[in-house]
Amino acid sequence: MIDLLPLADPAPAPAVVTDAACYVGDESKGTLCRWVYDTFGKNETLAESSDWLIAKPAKILAILLVAWLIRKLVHRAIGRMAKRLENGVPQPAFVRGRGSNAGGSHEGAALGTAGVSSSGTLATERRRQRAQTVSSVLESVATGVIFTVAILMALSELGMNIAPLIASAGIIGVAIGFGAQSLVKDFLSGIFMVIEDQYGVGDVCDLGDAVGTVESVGLRVTRLRDVNGTVWYVRNGEILRVGNKSQGWARAVVDLDIGFDEDVDQIRQLLLSSSNALFAKPEYASMILEPPEVWGVEALSSDGLVIRLVVKTAPLQQWKVARLLRENIKRAFDQASVDFPQRTMLVRTEDDESDAGSDTDVIPEALPEATRDTYRPPDPPSAERRGLR
């Protein structure tokens, strides 16, 4: 007789998990639910209520509290960074002659890079606005990211499926991006302009159609005032190029017209002597950074020659230095009896054409010899004859 092997015991049936039972393995319930379930006589309703009324709000509150603490720490770090950015890095003042071209060629001088220390009220205001803008952008981005993650975690604790919310947020973001492209473009351009420090308060900039002094730099709009006092509001997204006339150093360029008969070497010496006299004055030491240079004949025109004089100056001082140079050059030319070229123009009017055939055009030499001594030209025609009445 064949012995049959004992059959193994069948596997136990899985425990039935109900929504209200938090002790039998439902992982969505916490310790408080199980403790209430055991303590109060397996009361499922009370256990589930304690989980919704106490445990879940406590978890959500903890999530928000941690998010607030993280935001506080991040904002403090951003504030310290903005403070260092506002104070600026001390730079040595520009020393006369630094970066000058020993050979005297203006090509080499144009490639010199010399820094001028940022000081004064405008520089302080510029750093303050830049630091404030950068810090506000970083703080806003950090706050948005931190609390978005915290809210999603809180919704997940409430049992909500956050995947559709994330997908919906992406779709809404794309729709907003298409609907407000210009606004988004303005903000992004403003952020990069501020971070890259392309210009700041007090700079004289060429933004295309608007040229003037920058009064305010925002994330969406830049405000500047031109030489006539007109205030221009330029959207950052519309700025395709920036010509900053205030960074580092500037150059005063003076082009002078002289006649063809003038001695070029003499003119060169007059320009150098008059400009060096201005350079030697102590009151202009902070404005004129390097000795003046005469680059030579810049152009030939129908009226004469064009000679160029250049002077390296501190930022925003090139126009004042150019005016002072012109005054000194005018005095030097007057003392040396050097005249500027002048164009003589002959204007022929209708009266001249009507009188062209009158008796006043008779040349005495064309008259007979007997009447040459007694000839007198007739009086000019009256107003009625000229057709004025």
Protein backbone atom coordinates (compact mmCIF):
# COMPACT_ATOMS: atom_id res chain seq x y z
CA MET A 1 0.00 0.00 0.00
CA ILE A 2 1.43 3.30 -1.06
CA ASP A 3 1.73 5.96 1.65
CA LEU A 4 0.56 9.31 0.50
CA LEU A 5 2.68 12.31 1.45
CA PRO A 6 0.91 14.77 3.70
CA LEU A 7 -0.34 17.74 1.81
CA ALA A 8 0.96 21.17 2.82
CA ASP A 9 -1.36 23.43 4.66
CA PRO A 10 -3.09 25.86 2.34
CA ALA A 11 -1.91 29.49 2.48
CA PRO A 12 -3.95 31.66 4.80
CA ALA A 13 -6.45 33.90 3.17
CA PRO A 14 -5.34 37.55 3.01
CA ALA A 15 -6.79 39.80 5.59
CA VAL A 16 -9.57 41.99 4.42
CA VAL A 17 -8.59 45.60 4.67
CA THR A 18 -11.38 48.06 5.08
CA ASP A 19 -11.21 51.82 4.78
CA ALA A 20 -11.90 52.30 8.47
CA ALA A 21 -9.50 49.62 9.77
CA CYS A 22 -6.12 51.31 10.35
CA TYR A 23 -4.53 48.53 12.42
CA VAL A 24 -4.59 45.60 10.01
CA GLY A 25 -2.02 46.95 7.61
CA ASP A 26 -3.47 49.98 5.93
CA GLU A 27 -0.32 51.99 5.38
CA SER A 28 -2.16 55.25 4.81
CA LYS A 29 -3.11 55.34 8.49
CA GLY A 30 -0.65 56.49 11.11
CA THR A 31 0.31 55.60 14.64
CA LEU A 32 -2.39 57.79 16.17
CA CYS A 33 -5.10 55.92 14.28
CA ARG A 34 -3.87 52.54 15.50
CA TRP A 35 -3.51 53.81 19.07
CA VAL A 36 -7.08 55.14 19.12
CA TYR A 37 -8.30 51.95 17.48
CA ASP A 38 -6.70 49.81 20.21
CA THR A 39 -7.43 52.12 23.11
CA PHE A 40 -11.10 52.80 22.50
CA GLY A 41 -12.31 49.28 21.91
CA LYS A 42 -11.71 48.78 18.20
CA ASN A 43 -13.80 51.78 17.34
CA GLU A 44 -13.12 52.23 13.65
CA THR A 45 -15.11 55.42 13.29
CA LEU A 46 -13.28 57.12 16.13
CA ALA A 47 -9.90 55.90 14.84
CA GLU A 48 -10.55 57.18 11.34
CA SER A 49 -11.88 60.49 12.67
CA SER A 50 -8.77 60.96 14.80
CA ASP A 51 -6.62 60.38 11.74
CA TRP A 52 -8.47 63.02 9.72
CA LEU A 53 -8.91 65.52 12.55
CA ILE A 54 -5.52 65.25 14.25
CA ALA A 55 -2.89 63.22 12.38
CA LYS A 56 -3.30 64.57 8.86
CA PRO A 57 -3.61 68.25 9.91
CA ALA A 58 -0.53 67.79 12.08
CA LYS A 59 1.42 66.37 9.11
CA ILE A 60 0.27 69.18 6.85
CA LEU A 61 1.18 71.75 9.49
CA ALA A 62 4.61 70.17 9.85
CA ILE A 63 5.13 70.28 6.08
CA LEU A 64 4.19 73.96 5.92
CA LEU A 65 6.36 74.75 8.94
CA VAL A 66 9.38 73.06 7.38
CA ALA A 67 8.71 74.88 4.11
CA TRP A 68 8.53 78.19 5.96
CA LEU A 69 11.82 77.49 7.74
CA ILE A 70 13.52 76.55 4.47
CA ARG A 71 12.18 79.72 2.86
CA LYS A 72 13.48 81.77 5.77
CA LEU A 73 16.96 80.29 5.46
CA VAL A 74 17.04 80.73 1.70
CA HIS A 75 15.89 84.36 1.96
CA ARG A 76 18.54 85.06 4.56
CA ALA A 77 21.23 83.64 2.28
CA ILE A 78 19.91 85.70 -0.64
CA GLY A 79 19.84 88.81 1.55
CA ARG A 80 23.48 88.35 2.52
CA MET A 81 24.45 87.91 -1.10
CA ALA A 82 22.49 91.05 -2.06
CA LYS A 83 24.18 92.99 0.74
CA ARG A 84 27.61 92.06 -0.58
CA LEU A 85 26.46 92.99 -4.07
CA GLU A 86 25.17 96.35 -2.85
CA ASN A 87 28.35 97.20 -0.97
CA GLY A 88 30.42 96.33 -4.03
CA VAL A 89 34.01 95.22 -4.31
CA PRO A 90 36.56 98.00 -3.65
CA GLN A 91 38.62 98.77 -6.72
CA PRO A 92 41.79 100.83 -6.99
CA ALA A 93 41.34 104.28 -8.41
CA PHE A 94 42.54 104.96 -11.92
CA VAL A 95 46.12 106.17 -12.10
CA ARG A 96 47.10 108.54 -14.88
CA GLY A 97 49.11 106.83 -17.54
CA ARG A 98 47.99 103.32 -16.71
CA GLY A 99 47.15 101.44 -19.84
CA SER A 100 48.55 104.17 -22.07
CA ASN A 101 50.15 103.31 -25.35
CA ALA A 102 53.85 103.98 -25.31
CA GLY A 103 54.13 103.74 -29.05
CA GLY A 104 51.57 106.45 -29.55
CA SER A 105 49.28 104.53 -31.91
CA HIS A 106 45.62 105.00 -31.24
CA GLU A 107 44.90 101.38 -32.16
CA GLY A 108 46.84 100.20 -29.13
CA ALA A 109 45.28 102.80 -26.89
CA ALA A 110 41.82 101.74 -28.00
CA LEU A 111 42.49 98.22 -26.79
CA GLY A 112 43.60 99.30 -23.32
CA THR A 113 41.33 98.25 -20.49
CA ALA A 114 41.56 100.36 -17.39
CA GLY A 115 39.02 100.44 -14.62
CA VAL A 116 37.65 103.41 -12.82
CA SER A 117 36.39 102.91 -9.30
CA SER A 118 32.65 103.20 -8.81
CA SER A 119 31.95 105.92 -6.30
CA GLY A 120 29.44 108.60 -5.54
CA THR A 121 25.72 108.70 -5.19
CA LEU A 122 24.92 107.36 -8.65
CA ALA A 123 27.16 104.35 -8.25
CA THR A 124 25.67 103.59 -4.84
CA GLU A 125 22.12 103.90 -6.17
CA ARG A 126 23.01 101.71 -9.12
CA ARG A 127 24.38 98.94 -6.90
CA ARG A 128 21.41 99.26 -4.54
CA GLN A 129 18.83 98.89 -7.31
CA ARG A 130 20.72 96.02 -8.91
CA ALA A 131 21.02 94.18 -5.59
CA GLN A 132 17.36 94.82 -4.78
CA THR A 133 16.21 93.56 -8.18
CA VAL A 134 18.35 90.43 -8.11
CA SER A 135 17.35 89.60 -4.54
CA SER A 136 13.64 90.12 -5.22
CA VAL A 137 13.77 87.84 -8.26
CA LEU A 138 15.65 85.09 -6.42
CA GLU A 139 13.39 85.36 -3.37
CA SER A 140 10.26 85.15 -5.51
CA VAL A 141 11.54 82.11 -7.39
CA ALA A 142 12.64 80.38 -4.18
CA THR A 143 9.31 81.08 -2.45
CA GLY A 144 7.33 79.80 -5.40
CA VAL A 145 9.31 76.57 -5.71
CA ILE A 146 9.33 75.79 -1.97
CA PHE A 147 5.64 76.38 -1.35
CA THR A 148 4.59 74.65 -4.56
CA VAL A 149 6.36 71.50 -3.41
CA ALA A 150 4.88 71.90 0.09
CA ILE A 151 1.33 72.27 -1.24
CA LEU A 152 1.71 69.19 -3.43
CA MET A 153 2.96 67.20 -0.45
CA ALA A 154 0.02 68.41 1.65
CA LEU A 155 -2.47 67.39 -1.03
CA SER A 156 -0.80 63.99 -1.22
CA GLU A 157 -1.28 63.60 2.54
CA LEU A 158 -4.99 64.22 2.04
CA GLY A 159 -5.11 61.29 -0.34
CA MET A 160 -5.37 63.24 -3.56
CA ASN A 161 -3.66 62.09 -6.74
CA ILE A 162 -1.33 64.95 -7.62
CA ALA A 163 -0.29 63.61 -11.04
CA PRO A 164 -3.28 65.19 -12.84
CA LEU A 165 -2.62 68.46 -11.00
CA ILE A 166 0.97 68.54 -12.23
CA ALA A 167 -0.16 67.81 -15.79
CA SER A 168 -2.84 70.50 -15.60
CA ALA A 169 -0.34 73.01 -14.24
CA GLY A 170 1.95 72.27 -17.16
CA ILE A 171 -0.85 72.84 -19.65
CA ILE A 172 -1.88 76.09 -17.94
CA GLY A 173 1.73 77.25 -17.94
CA VAL A 174 2.04 76.62 -21.66
CA ALA A 175 -1.21 78.51 -22.31
CA ILE A 176 -0.06 81.48 -20.23
CA GLY A 177 3.30 81.42 -21.99
CA PHE A 178 1.64 81.69 -25.40
CA GLY A 179 -0.86 84.31 -24.26
CA ALA A 180 1.67 86.57 -22.53
CA GLN A 181 4.75 86.08 -24.65
CA SER A 182 5.69 89.76 -24.67
CA LEU A 183 5.31 90.04 -20.89
CA VAL A 184 7.40 86.93 -20.28
CA LYS A 185 9.98 88.20 -22.76
CA ASP A 186 10.19 91.54 -20.95
CA PHE A 187 10.72 89.89 -17.57
CA LEU A 188 13.32 87.41 -18.82
CA SER A 189 15.23 90.15 -20.64
CA GLY A 190 15.13 92.33 -17.54
CA ILE A 191 16.45 89.53 -15.35
CA PHE A 192 19.41 88.87 -17.63
CA MET A 193 20.16 92.58 -18.03
CA VAL A 194 20.27 93.06 -14.28
CA ILE A 195 22.32 89.93 -13.60
CA GLU A 196 24.81 90.75 -16.37
CA ASP A 197 24.98 94.40 -15.21
CA GLN A 198 24.64 95.76 -18.74
CA TYR A 199 23.66 99.19 -17.40
CA GLY A 200 22.50 100.80 -14.20
CA VAL A 201 21.18 104.00 -12.67
CA GLY A 202 23.23 107.01 -13.79
CA ASP A 203 24.61 105.44 -16.96
CA VAL A 204 24.22 107.19 -20.30
CA CYS A 205 22.95 104.53 -22.68
CA ASP A 206 21.88 104.19 -26.28
CA LEU A 207 18.93 101.79 -26.39
CA GLY A 208 18.11 102.31 -30.05
CA ASP A 209 15.41 104.93 -30.46
CA ALA A 210 15.95 106.28 -26.93
CA VAL A 211 19.26 107.77 -25.77
CA GLY A 212 19.73 109.30 -22.34
CA THR A 213 20.56 108.85 -18.67
CA VAL A 214 19.13 105.77 -16.97
CA GLU A 215 16.92 106.73 -14.02
CA SER A 216 15.40 103.36 -13.12
CA VAL A 217 15.99 99.72 -14.04
CA GLY A 218 13.09 97.31 -13.54
CA LEU A 219 12.37 93.77 -14.58
CA ARG A 220 9.86 94.89 -17.23
CA VAL A 221 10.65 98.53 -18.07
CA THR A 222 13.76 100.71 -18.14
CA ARG A 223 13.25 104.45 -17.62
CA LEU A 224 15.72 106.99 -18.99
CA ARG A 225 15.75 110.75 -19.64
CA ASP A 226 17.28 112.34 -22.73
CA VAL A 227 19.18 115.62 -23.01
CA ASN A 228 15.94 117.54 -23.68
CA GLY A 229 14.37 116.25 -20.47
CA THR A 230 12.01 113.78 -22.14
CA VAL A 231 11.43 110.62 -20.09
CA TRP A 232 11.47 107.39 -22.10
CA TYR A 233 9.97 104.10 -20.91
CA VAL A 234 11.53 101.22 -22.84
CA ARG A 235 10.29 97.65 -22.43
CA ASN A 236 13.21 95.33 -21.78
CA GLY A 237 12.00 92.82 -24.35
CA GLU A 238 12.29 95.48 -27.08
CA ILE A 239 15.94 96.30 -26.34
CA LEU A 240 18.01 94.59 -29.03
CA ARG A 241 21.28 96.38 -28.31
CA VAL A 242 22.74 98.48 -25.52
CA GLY A 243 25.39 101.14 -26.03
CA ASN A 244 26.71 102.10 -22.59
CA LYS A 245 28.75 105.31 -22.64
CA SER A 246 29.58 105.19 -18.93
CA GLN A 247 31.41 101.95 -18.22
CA GLY A 248 35.13 101.93 -17.44
CA TRP A 249 36.34 105.01 -19.29
CA ALA A 250 35.34 107.32 -22.13
CA ARG A 251 37.04 109.27 -24.89
CA ALA A 252 36.55 112.88 -25.93
CA VAL A 253 36.88 113.18 -29.71
CA VAL A 254 37.36 116.63 -31.27
CA ASP A 255 37.46 116.96 -35.07
CA LEU A 256 38.76 120.29 -36.39
CA ASP A 257 38.49 121.68 -39.92
CA ILE A 258 41.51 123.59 -41.24
CA GLY A 259 42.28 125.05 -44.63
CA PHE A 260 44.49 123.45 -47.25
CA ASP A 261 46.97 126.31 -46.92
CA GLU A 262 47.65 125.68 -43.22
CA ASP A 263 50.75 123.85 -42.01
CA VAL A 264 49.68 120.49 -40.58
CA ASP A 265 52.71 120.24 -38.29
CA GLN A 266 52.02 123.69 -36.87
CA ILE A 267 48.38 122.78 -36.27
CA ARG A 268 49.47 119.57 -34.54
CA GLN A 269 51.73 121.50 -32.17
CA LEU A 270 48.99 124.02 -31.42
CA LEU A 271 46.54 121.24 -30.60
CA LEU A 272 49.00 119.43 -28.35
CA SER A 273 50.07 122.58 -26.50
CA SER A 274 46.52 123.77 -25.87
CA SER A 275 45.26 120.32 -24.79
CA ASN A 276 48.31 119.59 -22.61
CA ALA A 277 47.76 122.90 -20.84
CA LEU A 278 44.33 121.63 -19.87
CA PHE A 279 45.74 118.24 -18.89
CA ALA A 280 48.29 119.88 -16.56
CA LYS A 281 45.69 121.70 -14.48
CA PRO A 282 45.09 119.95 -11.11
CA GLU A 283 41.34 120.60 -11.15
CA TYR A 284 41.00 118.35 -14.20
CA ALA A 285 43.16 115.51 -12.90
CA SER A 286 40.16 113.34 -12.08
CA MET A 287 38.54 114.00 -15.45
CA ILE A 288 41.41 113.58 -17.92
CA LEU A 289 43.05 110.19 -17.46
CA GLU A 290 45.82 110.19 -20.08
CA PRO A 291 47.75 112.80 -22.10
CA PRO A 292 45.94 114.04 -25.20
CA GLU A 293 46.80 112.55 -28.58
CA VAL A 294 46.56 113.96 -32.09
CA TRP A 295 45.72 111.09 -34.39
CA GLY A 296 46.34 113.16 -37.52
CA VAL A 297 44.37 113.95 -40.65
CA GLU A 298 41.07 112.15 -40.36
CA ALA A 299 39.45 113.22 -43.61
CA LEU A 300 39.76 115.44 -46.68
CA SER A 301 36.83 117.57 -47.74
CA SER A 302 36.12 120.21 -50.33
CA ASP A 303 36.66 122.92 -47.73
CA GLY A 304 39.88 121.65 -46.14
CA LEU A 305 41.37 119.05 -43.81
CA VAL A 306 39.87 117.37 -40.75
CA ILE A 307 42.33 116.73 -37.90
CA ARG A 308 41.29 114.56 -34.95
CA LEU A 309 42.27 115.14 -31.31
CA VAL A 310 41.36 112.50 -28.69
CA VAL A 311 41.56 112.49 -24.90
CA LYS A 312 40.85 109.58 -22.57
CA THR A 313 38.51 110.68 -19.79
CA ALA A 314 36.59 109.38 -16.83
CA PRO A 315 33.07 108.09 -17.51
CA LEU A 316 30.47 110.76 -18.31
CA GLN A 317 33.18 113.47 -18.52
CA GLN A 318 33.94 113.21 -22.24
CA TRP A 319 31.47 115.94 -23.25
CA LYS A 320 32.71 118.46 -20.70
CA VAL A 321 36.34 117.79 -21.62
CA ALA A 322 35.53 118.20 -25.32
CA ARG A 323 33.96 121.62 -24.66
CA LEU A 324 36.99 122.74 -22.67
CA LEU A 325 39.32 121.54 -25.41
CA ARG A 326 37.44 123.52 -28.05
CA GLU A 327 37.71 126.68 -25.96
CA ASN A 328 41.48 126.28 -25.52
CA ILE A 329 41.97 125.46 -29.19
CA LYS A 330 40.02 128.57 -30.23
CA ARG A 331 42.27 130.78 -28.08
CA ALA A 332 45.42 129.12 -29.42
CA PHE A 333 44.29 129.56 -33.03
CA ASP A 334 43.46 133.22 -32.44
CA GLN A 335 46.93 133.87 -31.02
CA ALA A 336 48.59 132.07 -33.94
CA SER A 337 46.34 133.81 -36.52
CA VAL A 338 45.00 130.51 -37.80
CA ASP A 339 41.67 130.86 -39.53
CA PHE A 340 39.07 128.18 -39.87
CA PRO A 341 38.00 127.46 -43.46
CA GLN A 342 35.03 129.49 -44.62
CA ARG A 343 32.87 128.88 -47.64
CA THR A 344 31.91 131.95 -49.71
CA MET A 345 28.51 131.78 -51.36
CA LEU A 346 27.14 134.16 -54.05
CA VAL A 347 23.37 134.47 -54.03
CA ARG A 348 21.68 135.62 -57.27
CA THR A 349 18.16 136.99 -56.86
CA GLU A 350 15.38 137.72 -59.36
CA ASP A 351 16.20 141.43 -59.19
CA ASP A 352 19.70 140.70 -60.37
CA GLU A 353 18.32 138.77 -63.34
CA SER A 354 15.88 141.59 -64.29
CA ASP A 355 18.62 144.17 -64.08
CA ALA A 356 21.06 142.11 -66.09
CA GLY A 357 20.12 143.87 -69.35
CA SER A 358 19.67 147.39 -67.98
CA ASP A 359 21.83 150.40 -68.69
CA THR A 360 23.74 149.89 -65.47
CA ASP A 361 25.60 147.01 -67.07
CA VAL A 362 27.23 149.35 -69.64
CA ILE A 363 30.99 149.23 -69.33
CA PRO A 364 32.62 152.70 -69.70
CA GLU A 365 35.46 151.23 -71.75
CA ALA A 366 32.90 150.20 -74.39
CA LEU A 367 31.72 153.80 -74.93
CA PRO A 368 33.21 156.17 -77.45
CA GLU A 369 36.28 158.04 -76.26
CA ALA A 370 34.45 161.38 -76.47
CA THR A 371 31.82 160.33 -73.94
CA ARG A 372 33.91 158.25 -71.53
CA ASP A 373 34.81 161.13 -69.21
CA THR A 374 31.28 162.55 -69.05
CA TYR A 375 29.44 159.23 -68.73
CA ARG A 376 27.44 158.62 -65.62
CA PRO A 377 25.45 155.42 -65.06
CA PRO A 378 21.70 155.95 -64.70
CA ASP A 379 19.95 155.68 -61.39
CA PRO A 380 18.82 152.21 -60.34
CA PRO A 381 15.29 151.29 -61.43
CA SER A 382 12.43 152.32 -59.19
CA ALA A 383 10.17 149.96 -57.29
CA GLU A 384 7.45 150.25 -59.94
CA ARG A 385 9.92 149.28 -62.67
CA ARG A 386 11.06 146.28 -60.65
CA GLY A 387 7.51 145.10 -60.36
CA LEU A 388 7.27 145.53 -56.59
CA ARG A 389 4.09 147.61 -56.88
